[in-house]
Structures are given as C-alpha cells and as structure tokens.
Amino acid sequence: MVKIVLTPDWFLANDVMIEFFSFAVLFIFSFLAIKSYYLNKNRRFLYLGWGFGLITLAQLASIVTKLVLFYDVGPTQAIGQAILSSQVFSSVDVFYYAGFFFQRFFTLCGLYMIYRLPRDKKSVGDWLLVGYFILISSVLSKEIYSLYHLTALFILVMIISNYLEIYKKNQFENTRLLIFSFSLLAFSQLLFIFSGLDLVYAFASVIELASYTILLFLIVRILKHGQKTKQNGNHIGHVGDNSGKKRKH
C-alpha cells in the first residue's frame, strides 16, 4: 500500500491521540457557535459553527481511517478485514485515499467558510481562492500531499488577516486568542509541507496540538465568563466582529 500521509510509525499513537483531542475541541466550539445562533439568531454564529463543524468532520474522517488501517484490534479489525475481502474494493488503497480525501476536503471547506464569515462582498482574493480550489480539485492525486497543506496555509493567512482587522476595531481578548490559535495552526501547516522528515512531522503535530489547546482555553473562557452581565469580550460573539462597541480599557 502506498502511503499518502507521512506519519512516522513511532509517532502514530501520539498522532491519533492529538486528532482525538482536536476533534473534541472542534466539536465543542462548533456546538457553542450553533447554540449561540439559536439564542441570538445571528447567522454569523451559524456560519462559524458550520465552518468548525466541517473541520470536525475532517478530523473524524482522519481518525476513522487511521484506526481502521493501522490498528488491528476490536471493531477496526472487523472493518479492515471487510475492506480487504470485499468485492467492491480491489485494494485497501481505495479506502485509504477516500478517507484522507474527505479529511482534506472538509478541512479546506471549513477554513474557507471561516474566512468568508466576516466578509460581505467578494474581492479579487475571493475569486482567486475559489479558482485555486477548482485547480486542486482538477489535479487531485496522491502526489500533491504538500499542496493540500499549502492551500490550508494560504486560507489561514487570509483568515488571520481578517481577524487582525477585526481586532484593531474591538480589542477583545477572545479575538486575540483566536488569532494566536490560527497563527499556530498556520505555522503547523507550513511545517507539514516539509514533513518528509519524521521529526518535522512530529513537531508540526505538536504545534497543531498547541493551536487547539489555545482554542480549548478560549472555550473555557467563554463557558466561564460568557454568561456574565459585563462580559468584557468573553462571549463567543467576541471572537469576531459580532460585538457592539469597542471595549474600553
């Protein structure tokens, strides 16, 4: 079987644990955003929830694929054996490619939705980004592992640029934390581009873990302070431009 991911064998268990953690954090954040939509009827919350929800699905697709292919125990053993003996799949490679295709597809779609969230009109950058998606869809193959991370990096840079503009206006701590989280995630994507080296892949995964740890800290802040009358930028709406006036220091 030809590998389309570069996870070192010695790092596989840690890799899956990181993805489980990331899945849980993303799920909670998506749930909070969608819950806020039903409470406030602000569609920006809904789009934020959908964006993170798509990335949550991406993490789930990656976890299931790795468990089935690399762990020969319990339910995953039965699934793996079914794939190998199935008349439908001539090779386990089909499942391998399909699982990671959906992981990449949902991640990029989720990131694009988050990027589009605070923007009302399409710019030249929007059209270039859509064209880039079309190009990737047209030439998708096992040879473009690094191209996926380059695309994710490109979108994350644009997301960070958006939220920097928002932070200049509202100065909310939650917005700053979200920018920090996205910045670490962008750095991890840059490292993944060069993840042909095992140690680089492991370091990139740790940086990715750090980005989601900050997102978890942001969730804790929202849950702890979001219900207070004087929220001081601690509501989930304060991760973007959904708040009202700029906070006074």
C-alpha atoms as a PDB file:
ATOM      1  CA  MET A   1       0.000   0.000   0.000  1.00  0.00           C
ATOM      2  CA  VAL A   2       1.367   3.430  -0.978  1.00  0.00           C
ATOM      3  CA  LYS A   3       1.273   5.920   1.862  1.00  0.00           C
ATOM      4  CA  ILE A   4      -0.295   9.313   1.222  1.00  0.00           C
ATOM      5  CA  VAL A   5       0.348  10.517   4.753  1.00  0.00           C
ATOM      6  CA  LEU A   6       3.779  10.745   6.265  1.00  0.00           C
ATOM      7  CA  THR A   7       3.030   9.761   9.859  1.00  0.00           C
ATOM      8  CA  PRO A   8       6.125   8.022  11.272  1.00  0.00           C
ATOM      9  CA  ASP A   9       5.329   4.584  12.710  1.00  0.00           C
ATOM     10  CA  TRP A  10       6.830   5.566  16.067  1.00  0.00           C
ATOM     11  CA  PHE A  11       4.571   8.643  16.258  1.00  0.00           C
ATOM     12  CA  LEU A  12       1.302   7.020  15.116  1.00  0.00           C
ATOM     13  CA  ALA A  13      -0.241   6.565  18.592  1.00  0.00           C
ATOM     14  CA  ASN A  14       0.521  10.185  19.531  1.00  0.00           C
ATOM     15  CA  ASP A  15      -0.814  11.356  16.176  1.00  0.00           C
ATOM     16  CA  VAL A  16      -4.164   9.658  16.729  1.00  0.00           C
ATOM     17  CA  MET A  17      -4.389  10.977  20.308  1.00  0.00           C
ATOM     18  CA  ILE A  18      -3.775  14.524  19.058  1.00  0.00           C
ATOM     19  CA  GLU A  19      -6.530  14.107  16.496  1.00  0.00           C
ATOM     20  CA  PHE A  20      -8.952  12.791  19.144  1.00  0.00           C
ATOM     21  CA  PHE A  21      -8.201  15.867  21.273  1.00  0.00           C
ATOM     22  CA  SER A  22      -8.600  18.179  18.262  1.00  0.00           C
ATOM     23  CA  PHE A  23     -11.899  16.513  17.349  1.00  0.00           C
ATOM     24  CA  ALA A  24     -13.314  17.058  20.851  1.00  0.00           C
ATOM     25  CA  VAL A  25     -12.253  20.727  20.970  1.00  0.00           C
ATOM     26  CA  LEU A  26     -13.586  21.475  17.487  1.00  0.00           C
ATOM     27  CA  PHE A  27     -16.879  19.738  18.249  1.00  0.00           C
ATOM     28  CA  ILE A  28     -17.417  21.782  21.430  1.00  0.00           C
ATOM     29  CA  PHE A  29     -16.556  25.065  19.700  1.00  0.00           C
ATOM     30  CA  SER A  30     -18.873  24.254  16.790  1.00  0.00           C
ATOM     31  CA  PHE A  31     -21.660  23.342  19.228  1.00  0.00           C
ATOM     32  CA  LEU A  32     -21.257  26.605  21.149  1.00  0.00           C
ATOM     33  CA  ALA A  33     -21.386  28.666  17.976  1.00  0.00           C
ATOM     34  CA  ILE A  34     -24.523  26.936  16.668  1.00  0.00           C
ATOM     35  CA  LYS A  35     -26.147  27.185  20.108  1.00  0.00           C
ATOM     36  CA  SER A  36     -25.426  30.929  20.105  1.00  0.00           C
ATOM     37  CA  TYR A  37     -27.140  31.196  16.716  1.00  0.00           C
ATOM     38  CA  TYR A  38     -30.362  29.718  18.107  1.00  0.00           C
ATOM     39  CA  LEU A  39     -30.185  32.095  21.081  1.00  0.00           C
ATOM     40  CA  ASN A  40     -29.329  35.272  19.150  1.00  0.00           C
ATOM     41  CA  LYS A  41     -30.455  34.461  15.572  1.00  0.00           C
ATOM     42  CA  ASN A  42     -27.229  35.942  14.243  1.00  0.00           C
ATOM     43  CA  ARG A  43     -26.302  33.981  11.124  1.00  0.00           C
ATOM     44  CA  ARG A  44     -22.608  34.700  11.639  1.00  0.00           C
ATOM     45  CA  PHE A  45     -22.700  32.313  14.596  1.00  0.00           C
ATOM     46  CA  LEU A  46     -24.269  29.679  12.352  1.00  0.00           C
ATOM     47  CA  TYR A  47     -21.583  30.038   9.680  1.00  0.00           C
ATOM     48  CA  LEU A  48     -18.860  29.941  12.319  1.00  0.00           C
ATOM     49  CA  GLY A  49     -20.393  26.744  13.713  1.00  0.00           C
ATOM     50  CA  TRP A  50     -20.651  25.203  10.249  1.00  0.00           C
ATOM     51  CA  GLY A  51     -17.049  26.102   9.459  1.00  0.00           C
ATOM     52  CA  PHE A  52     -15.682  24.488  12.587  1.00  0.00           C
ATOM     53  CA  GLY A  53     -18.203  21.662  12.168  1.00  0.00           C
ATOM     54  CA  LEU A  54     -16.746  20.792   8.767  1.00  0.00           C
ATOM     55  CA  ILE A  55     -13.245  20.719  10.241  1.00  0.00           C
ATOM     56  CA  THR A  56     -14.632  18.470  12.995  1.00  0.00           C
ATOM     57  CA  LEU A  57     -15.894  16.050  10.336  1.00  0.00           C
ATOM     58  CA  ALA A  58     -12.471  16.209   8.716  1.00  0.00           C
ATOM     59  CA  GLN A  59     -10.807  15.166  11.966  1.00  0.00           C
ATOM     60  CA  LEU A  60     -13.312  12.334  12.373  1.00  0.00           C
ATOM     61  CA  ALA A  61     -12.601  11.079   8.844  1.00  0.00           C
ATOM     62  CA  SER A  62      -8.869  11.067   9.556  1.00  0.00           C
ATOM     63  CA  ILE A  63      -9.291   9.286  12.901  1.00  0.00           C
ATOM     64  CA  VAL A  64     -11.533   6.551  11.478  1.00  0.00           C
ATOM     65  CA  THR A  65      -9.211   5.986   8.521  1.00  0.00           C
ATOM     66  CA  LYS A  66      -6.103   5.677  10.686  1.00  0.00           C
ATOM     67  CA  LEU A  67      -7.794   3.423  13.242  1.00  0.00           C
ATOM     68  CA  VAL A  68      -9.052   1.069  10.550  1.00  0.00           C
ATOM     69  CA  LEU A  69      -5.782   0.898   8.635  1.00  0.00           C
ATOM     70  CA  PHE A  70      -3.204   0.953  11.402  1.00  0.00           C
ATOM     71  CA  TYR A  71      -4.888  -0.703  14.408  1.00  0.00           C
ATOM     72  CA  ASP A  72      -5.802  -4.352  14.072  1.00  0.00           C
ATOM     73  CA  VAL A  73      -7.989  -4.553  17.180  1.00  0.00           C
ATOM     74  CA  GLY A  74     -11.670  -4.590  18.081  1.00  0.00           C
ATOM     75  CA  PRO A  75     -14.170  -3.072  15.627  1.00  0.00           C
ATOM     76  CA  THR A  76     -11.395  -1.681  13.434  1.00  0.00           C
ATOM     77  CA  GLN A  77     -10.109  -5.210  12.834  1.00  0.00           C
ATOM     78  CA  ALA A  78     -13.501  -6.301  11.512  1.00  0.00           C
ATOM     79  CA  ILE A  79     -13.788  -3.228   9.307  1.00  0.00           C
ATOM     80  CA  GLY A  80     -10.280  -3.706   7.947  1.00  0.00           C
ATOM     81  CA  GLN A  81     -10.916  -7.359   7.164  1.00  0.00           C
ATOM     82  CA  ALA A  82     -14.199  -6.464   5.470  1.00  0.00           C
ATOM     83  CA  ILE A  83     -12.405  -3.957   3.251  1.00  0.00           C
ATOM     84  CA  LEU A  84      -9.709  -6.418   2.268  1.00  0.00           C
ATOM     85  CA  SER A  85     -12.176  -9.225   1.485  1.00  0.00           C
ATOM     86  CA  SER A  86     -14.794  -7.034  -0.185  1.00  0.00           C
ATOM     87  CA  GLN A  87     -15.707  -7.482  -3.826  1.00  0.00           C
ATOM     88  CA  VAL A  88     -16.180  -3.742  -4.110  1.00  0.00           C
ATOM     89  CA  PHE A  89     -12.664  -2.683  -3.163  1.00  0.00           C
ATOM     90  CA  SER A  90      -9.858  -4.326  -5.091  1.00  0.00           C
ATOM     91  CA  SER A  91      -7.328  -2.701  -2.769  1.00  0.00           C
ATOM     92  CA  VAL A  92      -7.266  -1.115   0.661  1.00  0.00           C
ATOM     93  CA  ASP A  93      -5.714   1.881  -1.088  1.00  0.00           C
ATOM     94  CA  VAL A  94      -9.217   2.933  -2.203  1.00  0.00           C
ATOM     95  CA  PHE A  95     -10.354   3.314   1.395  1.00  0.00           C
ATOM     96  CA  TYR A  96      -7.058   4.949   2.285  1.00  0.00           C
ATOM     97  CA  TYR A  97      -7.347   7.615  -0.412  1.00  0.00           C
ATOM     98  CA  ALA A  98     -11.076   8.168   0.157  1.00  0.00           C
ATOM     99  CA  GLY A  99     -10.674   8.684   3.907  1.00  0.00           C
ATOM    100  CA  PHE A 100      -7.932  11.250   3.607  1.00  0.00           C
ATOM    101  CA  PHE A 101      -9.608  12.925   0.627  1.00  0.00           C
ATOM    102  CA  PHE A 102     -12.659  13.681   2.782  1.00  0.00           C
ATOM    103  CA  GLN A 103     -10.388  14.834   5.605  1.00  0.00           C
ATOM    104  CA  ARG A 104      -8.713  17.350   3.318  1.00  0.00           C
ATOM    105  CA  PHE A 105     -11.900  18.349   1.522  1.00  0.00           C
ATOM    106  CA  PHE A 106     -13.857  19.086   4.716  1.00  0.00           C
ATOM    107  CA  THR A 107     -10.902  20.921   6.268  1.00  0.00           C
ATOM    108  CA  LEU A 108     -10.459  23.243   3.295  1.00  0.00           C
ATOM    109  CA  CYS A 109     -14.206  23.855   3.022  1.00  0.00           C
ATOM    110  CA  GLY A 110     -14.411  24.641   6.741  1.00  0.00           C
ATOM    111  CA  LEU A 111     -11.463  27.019   6.601  1.00  0.00           C
ATOM    112  CA  TYR A 112     -12.922  28.774   3.569  1.00  0.00           C
ATOM    113  CA  MET A 113     -16.268  29.215   5.352  1.00  0.00           C
ATOM    114  CA  ILE A 114     -14.477  30.751   8.359  1.00  0.00           C
ATOM    115  CA  TYR A 115     -12.515  33.021   6.011  1.00  0.00           C
ATOM    116  CA  ARG A 116     -15.712  34.193   4.316  1.00  0.00           C
ATOM    117  CA  LEU A 117     -17.518  34.774   7.629  1.00  0.00           C
ATOM    118  CA  PRO A 118     -16.721  38.456   8.282  1.00  0.00           C
ATOM    119  CA  ARG A 119     -16.777  39.485   4.603  1.00  0.00           C
ATOM    120  CA  ASP A 120     -19.882  40.891   2.918  1.00  0.00           C
ATOM    121  CA  LYS A 121     -18.631  41.189  -0.654  1.00  0.00           C
ATOM    122  CA  LYS A 122     -16.328  39.095  -2.777  1.00  0.00           C
ATOM    123  CA  SER A 123     -12.916  40.546  -3.534  1.00  0.00           C
ATOM    124  CA  VAL A 124     -10.288  39.603  -6.105  1.00  0.00           C
ATOM    125  CA  GLY A 125      -8.755  37.413  -3.413  1.00  0.00           C
ATOM    126  CA  ASP A 126     -12.040  35.523  -3.062  1.00  0.00           C
ATOM    127  CA  TRP A 127     -12.151  34.751  -6.774  1.00  0.00           C
ATOM    128  CA  LEU A 128      -8.507  33.678  -6.768  1.00  0.00           C
ATOM    129  CA  LEU A 129      -9.174  31.403  -3.814  1.00  0.00           C
ATOM    130  CA  VAL A 130     -12.193  29.788  -5.499  1.00  0.00           C
ATOM    131  CA  GLY A 131     -10.103  29.295  -8.646  1.00  0.00           C
ATOM    132  CA  TYR A 132      -7.407  27.682  -6.537  1.00  0.00           C
ATOM    133  CA  PHE A 133      -9.961  25.238  -5.121  1.00  0.00           C
ATOM    134  CA  ILE A 134     -11.058  24.320  -8.646  1.00  0.00           C
ATOM    135  CA  LEU A 135      -7.451  23.747  -9.685  1.00  0.00           C
ATOM    136  CA  ILE A 136      -6.799  21.480  -6.720  1.00  0.00           C
ATOM    137  CA  SER A 137      -9.989  19.509  -7.398  1.00  0.00           C
ATOM    138  CA  SER A 138      -8.908  19.056 -11.005  1.00  0.00           C
ATOM    139  CA  VAL A 139      -5.402  17.758 -10.297  1.00  0.00           C
ATOM    140  CA  LEU A 140      -6.036  15.917  -7.019  1.00  0.00           C
ATOM    141  CA  SER A 141      -3.807  12.857  -6.753  1.00  0.00           C
ATOM    142  CA  LYS A 142      -1.507  11.137  -4.309  1.00  0.00           C
ATOM    143  CA  GLU A 143       1.395  13.298  -5.449  1.00  0.00           C
ATOM    144  CA  ILE A 144       0.007  16.567  -4.022  1.00  0.00           C
ATOM    145  CA  TYR A 145       0.274  15.905  -0.294  1.00  0.00           C
ATOM    146  CA  SER A 146       2.189  19.168   0.266  1.00  0.00           C
ATOM    147  CA  LEU A 147      -0.205  21.115  -1.963  1.00  0.00           C
ATOM    148  CA  TYR A 148      -3.044  20.455   0.483  1.00  0.00           C
ATOM    149  CA  HIS A 149      -1.054  21.994   3.337  1.00  0.00           C
ATOM    150  CA  LEU A 150      -0.025  24.912   1.136  1.00  0.00           C
ATOM    151  CA  THR A 151      -3.698  25.591   0.406  1.00  0.00           C
ATOM    152  CA  ALA A 152      -4.623  25.366   4.093  1.00  0.00           C
ATOM    153  CA  LEU A 153      -1.752  27.735   4.898  1.00  0.00           C
ATOM    154  CA  PHE A 154      -2.959  30.199   2.252  1.00  0.00           C
ATOM    155  CA  ILE A 155      -6.510  30.251   3.647  1.00  0.00           C
ATOM    156  CA  LEU A 156      -5.296  30.517   7.242  1.00  0.00           C
ATOM    157  CA  VAL A 157      -3.138  33.530   6.368  1.00  0.00           C
ATOM    158  CA  MET A 158      -6.220  35.191   4.868  1.00  0.00           C
ATOM    159  CA  ILE A 159      -8.282  34.300   7.967  1.00  0.00           C
ATOM    160  CA  ILE A 160      -5.612  35.784  10.243  1.00  0.00           C
ATOM    161  CA  SER A 161      -5.555  38.940   8.118  1.00  0.00           C
ATOM    162  CA  ASN A 162      -9.338  39.270   8.508  1.00  0.00           C
ATOM    163  CA  TYR A 163      -9.251  38.848  12.265  1.00  0.00           C
ATOM    164  CA  LEU A 164      -6.351  41.242  12.687  1.00  0.00           C
ATOM    165  CA  GLU A 165      -8.538  43.921  11.117  1.00  0.00           C
ATOM    166  CA  ILE A 166     -11.363  42.957  13.463  1.00  0.00           C
ATOM    167  CA  TYR A 167      -9.049  43.040  16.485  1.00  0.00           C
ATOM    168  CA  LYS A 168      -7.933  46.568  15.595  1.00  0.00           C
ATOM    169  CA  LYS A 169     -11.573  47.608  15.983  1.00  0.00           C
ATOM    170  CA  ASN A 170     -12.758  45.682  19.025  1.00  0.00           C
ATOM    171  CA  GLN A 171      -9.557  44.889  21.001  1.00  0.00           C
ATOM    172  CA  PHE A 172     -11.275  41.845  22.533  1.00  0.00           C
ATOM    173  CA  GLU A 173      -9.164  39.210  24.235  1.00  0.00           C
ATOM    174  CA  ASN A 174     -11.131  36.381  22.597  1.00  0.00           C
ATOM    175  CA  THR A 175     -10.345  37.737  19.154  1.00  0.00           C
ATOM    176  CA  ARG A 176      -6.659  37.903  20.044  1.00  0.00           C
ATOM    177  CA  LEU A 177      -6.701  34.307  21.306  1.00  0.00           C
ATOM    178  CA  LEU A 178      -8.382  33.126  18.125  1.00  0.00           C
ATOM    179  CA  ILE A 179      -5.722  34.910  16.044  1.00  0.00           C
ATOM    180  CA  PHE A 180      -2.999  33.221  18.108  1.00  0.00           C
ATOM    181  CA  SER A 181      -4.647  29.826  17.624  1.00  0.00           C
ATOM    182  CA  PHE A 182      -4.969  30.318  13.862  1.00  0.00           C
ATOM    183  CA  SER A 183      -1.370  31.557  13.682  1.00  0.00           C
ATOM    184  CA  LEU A 184      -0.029  28.398  15.323  1.00  0.00           C
ATOM    185  CA  LEU A 185      -2.242  26.300  13.064  1.00  0.00           C
ATOM    186  CA  ALA A 186      -0.839  28.136  10.034  1.00  0.00           C
ATOM    187  CA  PHE A 187       2.710  27.517  11.266  1.00  0.00           C
ATOM    188  CA  SER A 188       1.928  23.815  11.634  1.00  0.00           C
ATOM    189  CA  GLN A 189       0.708  23.707   8.024  1.00  0.00           C
ATOM    190  CA  LEU A 190       3.964  25.319   6.907  1.00  0.00           C
ATOM    191  CA  LEU A 191       5.908  22.624   8.743  1.00  0.00           C
ATOM    192  CA  PHE A 192       3.722  19.856   7.297  1.00  0.00           C
ATOM    193  CA  ILE A 193       4.799  20.967   3.809  1.00  0.00           C
ATOM    194  CA  PHE A 194       8.295  19.784   4.737  1.00  0.00           C
ATOM    195  CA  SER A 195       7.129  16.756   6.720  1.00  0.00           C
ATOM    196  CA  GLY A 196       9.095  14.268   4.637  1.00  0.00           C
ATOM    197  CA  LEU A 197      11.367  14.220   7.682  1.00  0.00           C
ATOM    198  CA  ASP A 198       9.872  12.292  10.603  1.00  0.00           C
ATOM    199  CA  LEU A 199      10.926  14.816  13.239  1.00  0.00           C
ATOM    200  CA  VAL A 200       9.431  17.700  11.247  1.00  0.00           C
ATOM    201  CA  TYR A 201       6.096  15.856  11.044  1.00  0.00           C
ATOM    202  CA  ALA A 202       6.124  15.203  14.791  1.00  0.00           C
ATOM    203  CA  PHE A 203       6.987  18.844  15.571  1.00  0.00           C
ATOM    204  CA  ALA A 204       4.242  20.080  13.218  1.00  0.00           C
ATOM    205  CA  SER A 205       1.732  17.828  15.007  1.00  0.00           C
ATOM    206  CA  VAL A 206       2.778  19.235  18.387  1.00  0.00           C
ATOM    207  CA  ILE A 207       2.325  22.795  17.096  1.00  0.00           C
ATOM    208  CA  GLU A 208      -1.108  21.818  15.791  1.00  0.00           C
ATOM    209  CA  LEU A 209      -1.909  20.411  19.235  1.00  0.00           C
ATOM    210  CA  ALA A 210      -0.843  23.728  20.797  1.00  0.00           C
ATOM    211  CA  SER A 211      -3.194  25.639  18.485  1.00  0.00           C
ATOM    212  CA  TYR A 212      -6.162  23.518  19.551  1.00  0.00           C
ATOM    213  CA  THR A 213      -5.116  23.777  23.199  1.00  0.00           C
ATOM    214  CA  ILE A 214      -5.442  27.566  22.902  1.00  0.00           C
ATOM    215  CA  LEU A 215      -8.845  27.064  21.278  1.00  0.00           C
ATOM    216  CA  LEU A 216      -9.798  24.900  24.282  1.00  0.00           C
ATOM    217  CA  PHE A 217      -8.662  27.700  26.613  1.00  0.00           C
ATOM    218  CA  LEU A 218     -10.874  30.064  24.615  1.00  0.00           C
ATOM    219  CA  ILE A 219     -13.814  27.686  25.088  1.00  0.00           C
ATOM    220  CA  VAL A 220     -13.193  27.627  28.841  1.00  0.00           C
ATOM    221  CA  ARG A 221     -13.191  31.450  28.908  1.00  0.00           C
ATOM    222  CA  ILE A 222     -16.478  31.528  27.012  1.00  0.00           C
ATOM    223  CA  LEU A 223     -18.127  28.969  29.302  1.00  0.00           C
ATOM    224  CA  LYS A 224     -16.792  30.638  32.466  1.00  0.00           C
ATOM    225  CA  HIS A 225     -17.429  34.289  31.635  1.00  0.00           C
ATOM    226  CA  GLY A 226     -19.850  34.313  28.717  1.00  0.00           C
ATOM    227  CA  GLN A 227     -22.960  34.420  30.887  1.00  0.00           C
ATOM    228  CA  LYS A 228     -21.822  37.396  32.958  1.00  0.00           C
ATOM    229  CA  THR A 229     -23.612  40.685  32.546  1.00  0.00           C
ATOM    230  CA  LYS A 230     -20.324  42.521  31.994  1.00  0.00           C
ATOM    231  CA  GLN A 231     -18.712  40.121  29.591  1.00  0.00           C
ATOM    232  CA  ASN A 232     -15.683  42.269  28.683  1.00  0.00           C
ATOM    233  CA  GLY A 233     -15.188  40.426  25.421  1.00  0.00           C
ATOM    234  CA  ASN A 234     -15.659  36.918  26.808  1.00  0.00           C
ATOM    235  CA  HIS A 235     -18.768  35.896  24.863  1.00  0.00           C
ATOM    236  CA  ILE A 236     -18.348  33.648  21.810  1.00  0.00           C
ATOM    237  CA  GLY A 237     -19.533  36.569  19.712  1.00  0.00           C
ATOM    238  CA  HIS A 238     -16.407  38.424  20.741  1.00  0.00           C
ATOM    239  CA  VAL A 239     -14.145  36.137  18.721  1.00  0.00           C
ATOM    240  CA  GLY A 240     -15.284  38.089  15.678  1.00  0.00           C
ATOM    241  CA  ASP A 241     -16.975  41.305  14.686  1.00  0.00           C
ATOM    242  CA  ASN A 242     -20.365  40.317  16.112  1.00  0.00           C
ATOM    243  CA  SER A 243     -19.946  42.524  19.158  1.00  0.00           C
ATOM    244  CA  GLY A 244     -21.027  46.068  19.504  1.00  0.00           C
ATOM    245  CA  LYS A 245     -18.680  48.787  20.608  1.00  0.00           C
ATOM    246  CA  LYS A 246     -15.001  48.590  21.214  1.00  0.00           C
ATOM    247  CA  ARG A 247     -14.033  47.573  24.732  1.00  0.00           C
ATOM    248  CA  LYS A 248     -12.768  50.354  26.972  1.00  0.00           C
ATOM    249  CA  HIS A 249      -9.553  49.774  28.861  1.00  0.00           C
END
